[in-house]
Amino acid sequence: VQQAIPVIASSAAAPLLLMISLVIIGLQRNQKNQTQQRIQALLEESQRRLKQMINKTHVGLLLINEQGQLFDLNPMAKRLFCLPENVNRQTFAWELFDAGNSYSTTLTLLRDLPKHKELAEISAVETMARRSDGSVFPVLFSLTTFPWHGELYFLATLIDISKRKKA
């Protein structure tokens, strides 16, 4: 009888240890899932906040692909150029700066962007831009390389300086 007690105790302990282990594993998995959900919620909130900041800025932002075509624009850029919401991604960025001066540094750079990718770093250059209705307006233009998802893009920033020019 005394020899049977340790055998019974050890055979009862094994399922108990297995149950405790399964409960611990389940709790850890649940905690990991909750942590991942919190991280995902923080990322989504951060993306919403960043998008809201970009959409509310008074600076026009153009994301241009390696071929010189518009990839994305923020709402201010669309307003500056009077572009429709569904602007065609086949539009070349240089078309927005073809304001009648074929010697414009900005126009030349954007037109030859695929050839001169490594030179595409300019900052705060005054140039003329053309709205979709054909009217022209002065802007402060900057361009920088913008690697994104393993591809090379260019980020152009535009500030309308019409009011400054009139003063």
N, C-alpha and C. Protein backbone atom coordinates (compact mmCIF):
# COMPACT_ATOMS: atom_id res chain seq x y z
N VAL A 1 0.83 -1.18 0.00
CA VAL A 1 0.00 0.00 0.00
C VAL A 1 0.88 1.25 0.00
N GLN A 2 1.93 1.23 0.83
CA GLN A 2 2.79 2.41 0.89
C GLN A 2 3.53 2.64 -0.43
N GLN A 3 3.80 1.57 -1.16
CA GLN A 3 4.47 1.73 -2.46
C GLN A 3 3.50 2.26 -3.51
N ALA A 4 2.25 2.03 -3.34
CA ALA A 4 1.25 2.47 -4.32
C ALA A 4 0.98 3.97 -4.21
N ILE A 5 1.16 4.54 -3.03
CA ILE A 5 0.88 5.97 -2.85
C ILE A 5 1.78 6.84 -3.73
N PRO A 6 3.12 6.64 -3.78
CA PRO A 6 3.94 7.47 -4.67
C PRO A 6 3.58 7.28 -6.15
N VAL A 7 3.21 6.08 -6.53
CA VAL A 7 2.84 5.84 -7.93
C VAL A 7 1.56 6.60 -8.25
N ILE A 8 0.59 6.54 -7.35
CA ILE A 8 -0.68 7.25 -7.56
C ILE A 8 -0.43 8.76 -7.56
N ALA A 9 0.41 9.23 -6.63
CA ALA A 9 0.70 10.66 -6.54
C ALA A 9 1.40 11.14 -7.80
N SER A 10 2.37 10.39 -8.30
CA SER A 10 3.09 10.82 -9.51
C SER A 10 2.20 10.72 -10.73
N SER A 11 1.31 9.74 -10.79
CA SER A 11 0.41 9.63 -11.94
C SER A 11 -0.65 10.72 -11.90
N ALA A 12 -1.01 11.23 -10.73
CA ALA A 12 -1.95 12.34 -10.61
C ALA A 12 -1.25 13.67 -10.87
N ALA A 13 0.04 13.75 -10.56
CA ALA A 13 0.80 14.99 -10.74
C ALA A 13 1.05 15.27 -12.22
N ALA A 14 1.25 14.25 -13.01
CA ALA A 14 1.55 14.45 -14.44
C ALA A 14 0.40 15.17 -15.16
N PRO A 15 -0.85 14.73 -15.03
CA PRO A 15 -1.93 15.47 -15.69
C PRO A 15 -2.09 16.89 -15.13
N LEU A 16 -1.85 17.03 -13.82
CA LEU A 16 -1.96 18.35 -13.21
C LEU A 16 -0.89 19.29 -13.78
N LEU A 17 0.34 18.80 -13.92
CA LEU A 17 1.42 19.60 -14.51
C LEU A 17 1.10 19.94 -15.96
N LEU A 18 0.54 18.99 -16.68
CA LEU A 18 0.16 19.22 -18.08
C LEU A 18 -0.91 20.31 -18.16
N MET A 19 -1.91 20.23 -17.27
CA MET A 19 -2.97 21.25 -17.27
C MET A 19 -2.40 22.63 -16.92
N ILE A 20 -1.54 22.69 -15.92
CA ILE A 20 -0.94 23.97 -15.52
C ILE A 20 -0.11 24.53 -16.68
N SER A 21 0.65 23.67 -17.34
CA SER A 21 1.46 24.10 -18.49
C SER A 21 0.58 24.63 -19.61
N LEU A 22 -0.52 23.96 -19.90
CA LEU A 22 -1.43 24.42 -20.95
C LEU A 22 -2.07 25.76 -20.58
N VAL A 23 -2.43 25.93 -19.31
CA VAL A 23 -3.00 27.20 -18.87
C VAL A 23 -1.97 28.32 -19.02
N ILE A 24 -0.73 28.07 -18.62
CA ILE A 24 0.33 29.08 -18.74
C ILE A 24 0.57 29.42 -20.21
N ILE A 25 0.64 28.41 -21.06
CA ILE A 25 0.84 28.65 -22.50
C ILE A 25 -0.32 29.47 -23.06
N GLY A 26 -1.54 29.13 -22.67
CA GLY A 26 -2.71 29.88 -23.13
C GLY A 26 -2.68 31.33 -22.68
N LEU A 27 -2.30 31.56 -21.42
CA LEU A 27 -2.20 32.93 -20.90
C LEU A 27 -1.12 33.72 -21.63
N GLN A 28 0.02 33.08 -21.89
CA GLN A 28 1.09 33.76 -22.61
C GLN A 28 0.67 34.10 -24.04
N ARG A 29 0.00 33.19 -24.69
CA ARG A 29 -0.48 33.43 -26.05
C ARG A 29 -1.49 34.58 -26.07
N ASN A 30 -2.39 34.58 -25.09
CA ASN A 30 -3.38 35.65 -24.98
C ASN A 30 -2.70 37.00 -24.75
N GLN A 31 -1.70 37.01 -23.86
CA GLN A 31 -0.98 38.25 -23.58
C GLN A 31 -0.23 38.73 -24.83
N LYS A 32 0.36 37.81 -25.58
CA LYS A 32 1.07 38.17 -26.81
C LYS A 32 0.09 38.76 -27.83
N ASN A 33 -1.08 38.16 -27.97
CA ASN A 33 -2.09 38.68 -28.90
C ASN A 33 -2.55 40.07 -28.50
N GLN A 34 -2.77 40.28 -27.20
CA GLN A 34 -3.19 41.60 -26.72
C GLN A 34 -2.10 42.65 -26.99
N THR A 35 -0.85 42.27 -26.78
CA THR A 35 0.26 43.19 -27.05
C THR A 35 0.32 43.53 -28.53
N GLN A 36 0.16 42.53 -29.39
CA GLN A 36 0.17 42.78 -30.84
C GLN A 36 -0.99 43.68 -31.25
N GLN A 37 -2.15 43.47 -30.65
CA GLN A 37 -3.31 44.32 -30.96
C GLN A 37 -3.06 45.76 -30.51
N ARG A 38 -2.44 45.94 -29.34
CA ARG A 38 -2.11 47.30 -28.87
C ARG A 38 -1.11 47.97 -29.80
N ILE A 39 -0.10 47.22 -30.22
CA ILE A 39 0.90 47.77 -31.15
C ILE A 39 0.24 48.15 -32.46
N GLN A 40 -0.63 47.29 -32.98
CA GLN A 40 -1.33 47.57 -34.23
C GLN A 40 -2.21 48.81 -34.10
N ALA A 41 -2.90 48.93 -32.98
CA ALA A 41 -3.75 50.11 -32.75
C ALA A 41 -2.91 51.38 -32.68
N LEU A 42 -1.75 51.31 -32.03
CA LEU A 42 -0.86 52.47 -31.96
C LEU A 42 -0.33 52.85 -33.34
N LEU A 43 0.02 51.84 -34.15
CA LEU A 43 0.48 52.11 -35.52
C LEU A 43 -0.61 52.77 -36.35
N GLU A 44 -1.82 52.25 -36.25
CA GLU A 44 -2.94 52.82 -37.01
C GLU A 44 -3.22 54.25 -36.58
N GLU A 45 -3.17 54.50 -35.28
CA GLU A 45 -3.39 55.86 -34.77
C GLU A 45 -2.28 56.80 -35.25
N SER A 46 -1.06 56.31 -35.24
CA SER A 46 0.06 57.12 -35.71
C SER A 46 -0.09 57.43 -37.20
N GLN A 47 -0.50 56.45 -37.99
CA GLN A 47 -0.73 56.67 -39.42
C GLN A 47 -1.85 57.67 -39.65
N ARG A 48 -2.93 57.57 -38.89
CA ARG A 48 -4.04 58.52 -39.02
C ARG A 48 -3.58 59.94 -38.69
N ARG A 49 -2.82 60.06 -37.61
CA ARG A 49 -2.33 61.37 -37.19
C ARG A 49 -1.38 61.96 -38.25
N LEU A 50 -0.49 61.13 -38.76
CA LEU A 50 0.45 61.59 -39.78
C LEU A 50 -0.28 62.00 -41.05
N LYS A 51 -1.26 61.20 -41.46
CA LYS A 51 -2.04 61.54 -42.65
C LYS A 51 -2.80 62.84 -42.45
N GLN A 52 -3.35 63.03 -41.26
CA GLN A 52 -4.08 64.26 -40.96
C GLN A 52 -3.14 65.46 -41.00
N MET A 53 -1.93 65.31 -40.48
CA MET A 53 -0.96 66.40 -40.52
C MET A 53 -0.59 66.73 -41.96
N ILE A 54 -0.35 65.71 -42.77
CA ILE A 54 0.01 65.93 -44.17
C ILE A 54 -1.15 66.59 -44.92
N ASN A 55 -2.37 66.16 -44.63
CA ASN A 55 -3.53 66.71 -45.32
C ASN A 55 -3.83 68.15 -44.90
N LYS A 56 -3.43 68.54 -43.70
CA LYS A 56 -3.75 69.88 -43.19
C LYS A 56 -2.64 70.90 -43.44
N THR A 57 -1.47 70.46 -43.88
CA THR A 57 -0.35 71.38 -44.06
C THR A 57 -0.61 72.37 -45.19
N HIS A 58 0.03 73.51 -45.11
CA HIS A 58 -0.11 74.54 -46.14
C HIS A 58 1.02 74.44 -47.16
N VAL A 59 1.66 73.29 -47.19
CA VAL A 59 2.74 73.02 -48.14
C VAL A 59 2.26 71.95 -49.10
N GLY A 60 2.45 72.18 -50.39
CA GLY A 60 2.10 71.15 -51.37
C GLY A 60 3.18 70.09 -51.39
N LEU A 61 2.78 68.84 -51.38
CA LEU A 61 3.72 67.72 -51.42
C LEU A 61 3.44 66.87 -52.65
N LEU A 62 4.48 66.62 -53.43
CA LEU A 62 4.37 65.76 -54.61
C LEU A 62 5.33 64.59 -54.41
N LEU A 63 4.83 63.39 -54.53
CA LEU A 63 5.69 62.22 -54.53
C LEU A 63 5.83 61.80 -55.98
N ILE A 64 7.06 61.78 -56.47
CA ILE A 64 7.35 61.57 -57.89
C ILE A 64 8.14 60.27 -58.03
N ASN A 65 7.76 59.43 -58.99
CA ASN A 65 8.49 58.18 -59.18
C ASN A 65 9.77 58.41 -59.98
N GLU A 66 10.55 57.36 -60.18
CA GLU A 66 11.84 57.47 -60.88
C GLU A 66 11.70 57.96 -62.31
N GLN A 67 10.57 57.70 -62.92
CA GLN A 67 10.35 58.13 -64.30
C GLN A 67 9.89 59.59 -64.38
N GLY A 68 9.69 60.22 -63.24
CA GLY A 68 9.27 61.61 -63.22
C GLY A 68 7.76 61.80 -63.21
N GLN A 69 7.02 60.71 -63.01
CA GLN A 69 5.55 60.79 -62.99
C GLN A 69 5.06 61.00 -61.56
N LEU A 70 3.92 61.69 -61.46
CA LEU A 70 3.31 61.89 -60.15
C LEU A 70 2.86 60.55 -59.59
N PHE A 71 3.25 60.25 -58.37
CA PHE A 71 2.82 59.02 -57.73
C PHE A 71 1.74 59.34 -56.70
N ASP A 72 1.91 60.45 -55.98
CA ASP A 72 0.93 60.85 -54.99
C ASP A 72 1.05 62.34 -54.74
N LEU A 73 -0.04 62.96 -54.34
CA LEU A 73 -0.08 64.39 -54.02
C LEU A 73 -0.92 64.57 -52.77
N ASN A 74 -0.55 65.53 -51.95
CA ASN A 74 -1.41 65.83 -50.81
C ASN A 74 -2.50 66.82 -51.25
N PRO A 75 -3.54 67.01 -50.45
CA PRO A 75 -4.64 67.90 -50.83
C PRO A 75 -4.20 69.33 -51.16
N MET A 76 -3.19 69.85 -50.46
CA MET A 76 -2.74 71.21 -50.74
C MET A 76 -2.14 71.29 -52.15
N ALA A 77 -1.39 70.30 -52.56
CA ALA A 77 -0.82 70.31 -53.92
C ALA A 77 -1.95 70.27 -54.95
N LYS A 78 -2.97 69.48 -54.68
CA LYS A 78 -4.11 69.43 -55.60
C LYS A 78 -4.80 70.78 -55.68
N ARG A 79 -4.92 71.47 -54.53
CA ARG A 79 -5.53 72.81 -54.53
C ARG A 79 -4.65 73.81 -55.27
N LEU A 80 -3.34 73.79 -55.01
CA LEU A 80 -2.43 74.73 -55.66
C LEU A 80 -2.52 74.64 -57.18
N PHE A 81 -2.58 73.41 -57.69
CA PHE A 81 -2.59 73.20 -59.13
C PHE A 81 -4.00 73.05 -59.70
N CYS A 82 -5.01 73.17 -58.85
CA CYS A 82 -6.42 73.00 -59.27
C CYS A 82 -6.62 71.65 -59.96
N LEU A 83 -6.07 70.62 -59.36
CA LEU A 83 -6.16 69.28 -59.94
C LEU A 83 -7.35 68.52 -59.36
N PRO A 84 -7.95 67.64 -60.14
CA PRO A 84 -9.07 66.84 -59.63
C PRO A 84 -8.56 65.82 -58.60
N GLU A 85 -9.47 65.33 -57.80
CA GLU A 85 -9.12 64.33 -56.78
C GLU A 85 -8.47 63.10 -57.39
N ASN A 86 -8.95 62.71 -58.56
CA ASN A 86 -8.45 61.48 -59.19
C ASN A 86 -7.40 61.82 -60.26
N VAL A 87 -6.42 62.65 -59.90
CA VAL A 87 -5.39 63.05 -60.86
C VAL A 87 -4.71 61.81 -61.42
N ASN A 88 -4.43 61.85 -62.70
CA ASN A 88 -3.86 60.72 -63.42
C ASN A 88 -2.40 60.51 -63.01
N ARG A 89 -2.07 59.28 -62.66
CA ARG A 89 -0.69 58.97 -62.27
C ARG A 89 0.26 58.97 -63.47
N GLN A 90 -0.27 59.10 -64.66
CA GLN A 90 0.58 59.16 -65.85
C GLN A 90 1.08 60.58 -66.10
N THR A 91 0.64 61.53 -65.29
CA THR A 91 1.05 62.93 -65.44
C THR A 91 2.51 63.06 -65.02
N PHE A 92 3.30 63.71 -65.85
CA PHE A 92 4.69 63.97 -65.50
C PHE A 92 4.76 65.23 -64.65
N ALA A 93 5.61 65.21 -63.65
CA ALA A 93 5.73 66.35 -62.73
C ALA A 93 6.14 67.62 -63.46
N TRP A 94 6.99 67.49 -64.46
CA TRP A 94 7.46 68.69 -65.17
C TRP A 94 6.32 69.46 -65.82
N GLU A 95 5.23 68.76 -66.16
CA GLU A 95 4.09 69.42 -66.79
C GLU A 95 3.49 70.51 -65.89
N LEU A 96 3.64 70.35 -64.58
CA LEU A 96 3.11 71.33 -63.64
C LEU A 96 3.99 72.58 -63.54
N PHE A 97 5.18 72.51 -64.14
CA PHE A 97 6.12 73.63 -64.06
C PHE A 97 6.48 74.19 -65.43
N ASP A 98 5.74 73.77 -66.44
CA ASP A 98 5.97 74.27 -67.80
C ASP A 98 5.23 75.60 -67.93
N ALA A 99 5.87 76.66 -67.42
CA ALA A 99 5.23 77.97 -67.35
C ALA A 99 5.76 78.93 -68.41
N GLY A 100 6.31 78.39 -69.49
CA GLY A 100 6.76 79.24 -70.58
C GLY A 100 8.24 79.56 -70.58
N ASN A 101 8.97 79.19 -69.53
CA ASN A 101 10.41 79.43 -69.48
C ASN A 101 11.13 78.10 -69.64
N SER A 102 11.54 77.79 -70.86
CA SER A 102 12.16 76.49 -71.13
C SER A 102 13.55 76.37 -70.48
N TYR A 103 14.11 77.48 -69.97
CA TYR A 103 15.42 77.44 -69.32
C TYR A 103 15.31 77.32 -67.81
N SER A 104 14.12 77.16 -67.30
CA SER A 104 13.90 77.03 -65.87
C SER A 104 14.65 75.81 -65.33
N THR A 105 15.42 76.02 -64.26
CA THR A 105 16.17 74.93 -63.63
C THR A 105 15.23 73.82 -63.17
N THR A 106 14.13 74.21 -62.57
CA THR A 106 13.16 73.23 -62.06
C THR A 106 12.58 72.41 -63.20
N LEU A 107 12.16 73.09 -64.26
CA LEU A 107 11.58 72.40 -65.41
C LEU A 107 12.60 71.44 -66.03
N THR A 108 13.82 71.91 -66.23
CA THR A 108 14.87 71.08 -66.82
C THR A 108 15.16 69.86 -65.95
N LEU A 109 15.29 70.08 -64.65
CA LEU A 109 15.58 68.97 -63.73
C LEU A 109 14.46 67.94 -63.75
N LEU A 110 13.22 68.40 -63.66
CA LEU A 110 12.09 67.46 -63.63
C LEU A 110 11.91 66.74 -64.96
N ARG A 111 12.18 67.43 -66.05
CA ARG A 111 12.04 66.82 -67.37
C ARG A 111 13.08 65.71 -67.56
N ASP A 112 14.27 65.92 -67.02
CA ASP A 112 15.36 64.95 -67.18
C ASP A 112 15.61 64.14 -65.91
N LEU A 113 14.64 64.05 -65.05
CA LEU A 113 14.78 63.36 -63.77
C LEU A 113 15.33 61.94 -63.91
N PRO A 114 14.84 61.13 -64.86
CA PRO A 114 15.40 59.78 -64.97
C PRO A 114 16.90 59.77 -65.27
N LYS A 115 17.41 60.78 -65.96
CA LYS A 115 18.83 60.83 -66.30
C LYS A 115 19.69 61.36 -65.16
N HIS A 116 19.13 62.28 -64.38
CA HIS A 116 19.93 62.99 -63.37
C HIS A 116 19.43 62.74 -61.96
N LYS A 117 19.12 61.49 -61.66
CA LYS A 117 18.58 61.15 -60.33
C LYS A 117 19.49 61.61 -59.20
N GLU A 118 20.79 61.42 -59.39
CA GLU A 118 21.74 61.74 -58.32
C GLU A 118 21.89 63.25 -58.09
N LEU A 119 21.45 64.07 -59.03
CA LEU A 119 21.54 65.52 -58.89
C LEU A 119 20.25 66.14 -58.36
N ALA A 120 19.27 65.32 -58.10
CA ALA A 120 17.93 65.80 -57.76
C ALA A 120 17.81 66.22 -56.30
N GLU A 121 18.62 67.15 -55.89
CA GLU A 121 18.55 67.70 -54.53
C GLU A 121 18.62 69.21 -54.65
N ILE A 122 17.49 69.87 -54.62
CA ILE A 122 17.49 71.33 -54.62
C ILE A 122 16.60 71.82 -53.50
N SER A 123 16.92 73.00 -53.02
CA SER A 123 16.19 73.50 -51.85
C SER A 123 15.82 74.96 -52.02
N ALA A 124 14.55 75.26 -51.77
CA ALA A 124 14.03 76.63 -51.72
C ALA A 124 14.37 77.45 -52.96
N VAL A 125 14.04 76.92 -54.13
CA VAL A 125 14.25 77.62 -55.39
C VAL A 125 12.94 78.28 -55.80
N GLU A 126 13.01 79.56 -56.14
CA GLU A 126 11.81 80.23 -56.63
C GLU A 126 11.62 79.86 -58.10
N THR A 127 10.41 79.46 -58.43
CA THR A 127 10.10 79.09 -59.81
C THR A 127 8.63 79.37 -60.07
N MET A 128 8.23 79.18 -61.30
CA MET A 128 6.83 79.37 -61.66
C MET A 128 6.19 78.00 -61.89
N ALA A 129 4.95 77.89 -61.49
CA ALA A 129 4.18 76.65 -61.67
C ALA A 129 2.93 76.98 -62.47
N ARG A 130 2.35 75.95 -63.09
CA ARG A 130 1.17 76.14 -63.93
C ARG A 130 0.00 75.33 -63.37
N ARG A 131 -1.11 76.03 -63.17
CA ARG A 131 -2.34 75.36 -62.72
C ARG A 131 -2.99 74.64 -63.90
N SER A 132 -3.93 73.79 -63.59
CA SER A 132 -4.62 73.04 -64.65
C SER A 132 -5.41 73.96 -65.57
N ASP A 133 -5.77 75.17 -65.09
CA ASP A 133 -6.50 76.12 -65.94
C ASP A 133 -5.56 76.96 -66.81
N GLY A 134 -4.25 76.73 -66.69
CA GLY A 134 -3.27 77.44 -67.50
C GLY A 134 -2.64 78.64 -66.83
N SER A 135 -3.21 79.12 -65.73
CA SER A 135 -2.63 80.27 -65.04
C SER A 135 -1.33 79.85 -64.34
N VAL A 136 -0.43 80.81 -64.20
CA VAL A 136 0.85 80.51 -63.56
C VAL A 136 0.93 81.25 -62.23
N PHE A 137 1.75 80.72 -61.33
CA PHE A 137 1.92 81.32 -60.01
C PHE A 137 3.31 80.99 -59.48
N PRO A 138 3.89 81.88 -58.67
CA PRO A 138 5.23 81.63 -58.14
C PRO A 138 5.19 80.70 -56.94
N VAL A 139 6.19 79.82 -56.88
CA VAL A 139 6.31 78.89 -55.75
C VAL A 139 7.76 78.82 -55.29
N LEU A 140 7.91 78.42 -54.05
CA LEU A 140 9.21 78.07 -53.51
C LEU A 140 9.27 76.55 -53.61
N PHE A 141 10.23 76.03 -54.34
CA PHE A 141 10.28 74.62 -54.71
C PHE A 141 11.51 73.95 -54.11
N SER A 142 11.32 72.76 -53.53
CA SER A 142 12.43 71.94 -53.05
C SER A 142 12.21 70.52 -53.52
N LEU A 143 13.31 69.81 -53.76
CA LEU A 143 13.23 68.42 -54.23
C LEU A 143 14.31 67.63 -53.53
N THR A 144 13.94 66.45 -53.04
CA THR A 144 14.89 65.58 -52.38
C THR A 144 14.58 64.13 -52.73
N THR A 145 15.59 63.28 -52.68
CA THR A 145 15.35 61.85 -52.93
C THR A 145 14.58 61.28 -51.74
N PHE A 146 13.80 60.26 -52.04
CA PHE A 146 12.91 59.70 -51.02
C PHE A 146 12.80 58.19 -51.25
N PRO A 147 13.78 57.41 -50.79
CA PRO A 147 13.68 55.95 -50.94
C PRO A 147 12.48 55.43 -50.16
N TRP A 148 11.70 54.57 -50.82
CA TRP A 148 10.48 54.07 -50.18
C TRP A 148 10.19 52.67 -50.69
N HIS A 149 10.07 51.73 -49.79
CA HIS A 149 9.79 50.32 -50.11
C HIS A 149 10.78 49.78 -51.14
N GLY A 150 12.05 50.12 -50.98
CA GLY A 150 13.08 49.60 -51.86
C GLY A 150 13.15 50.26 -53.22
N GLU A 151 12.36 51.29 -53.45
CA GLU A 151 12.39 52.00 -54.73
C GLU A 151 12.73 53.46 -54.48
N LEU A 152 13.26 54.11 -55.52
CA LEU A 152 13.63 55.51 -55.40
C LEU A 152 12.49 56.40 -55.87
N TYR A 153 12.10 57.31 -55.01
CA TYR A 153 11.11 58.33 -55.34
C TYR A 153 11.74 59.68 -55.03
N PHE A 154 11.02 60.73 -55.39
CA PHE A 154 11.46 62.08 -55.09
C PHE A 154 10.31 62.79 -54.40
N LEU A 155 10.63 63.56 -53.39
CA LEU A 155 9.62 64.34 -52.68
C LEU A 155 9.84 65.81 -53.01
N ALA A 156 8.84 66.41 -53.61
CA ALA A 156 8.88 67.83 -53.93
C ALA A 156 7.97 68.56 -52.96
N THR A 157 8.46 69.67 -52.42
CA THR A 157 7.64 70.51 -51.56
C THR A 157 7.45 71.85 -52.26
N LEU A 158 6.24 72.38 -52.15
CA LEU A 158 5.88 73.63 -52.82
C LEU A 158 5.19 74.57 -51.85
N ILE A 159 5.62 75.80 -51.86
CA ILE A 159 4.95 76.83 -51.08
C ILE A 159 4.56 77.94 -52.04
N ASP A 160 3.28 78.25 -52.07
CA ASP A 160 2.78 79.33 -52.93
C ASP A 160 3.27 80.65 -52.35
N ILE A 161 4.03 81.41 -53.14
CA ILE A 161 4.56 82.69 -52.66
C ILE A 161 3.92 83.87 -53.41
N SER A 162 2.73 83.66 -53.95
CA SER A 162 2.03 84.72 -54.68
C SER A 162 1.84 85.96 -53.82
N LYS A 163 1.39 85.79 -52.59
CA LYS A 163 1.14 86.94 -51.70
C LYS A 163 2.43 87.67 -51.38
N ARG A 164 3.50 86.93 -51.18
CA ARG A 164 4.79 87.54 -50.88
C ARG A 164 5.29 88.35 -52.07
N LYS A 165 5.06 87.85 -53.27
CA LYS A 165 5.51 88.53 -54.49
C LYS A 165 4.73 89.82 -54.74
N LYS A 166 3.46 89.84 -54.33
CA LYS A 166 2.62 91.03 -54.54
C LYS A 166 3.00 92.15 -53.59
N ALA A 167 3.47 91.79 -52.40
CA ALA A 167 3.78 92.79 -51.36
C ALA A 167 5.01 93.61 -51.66
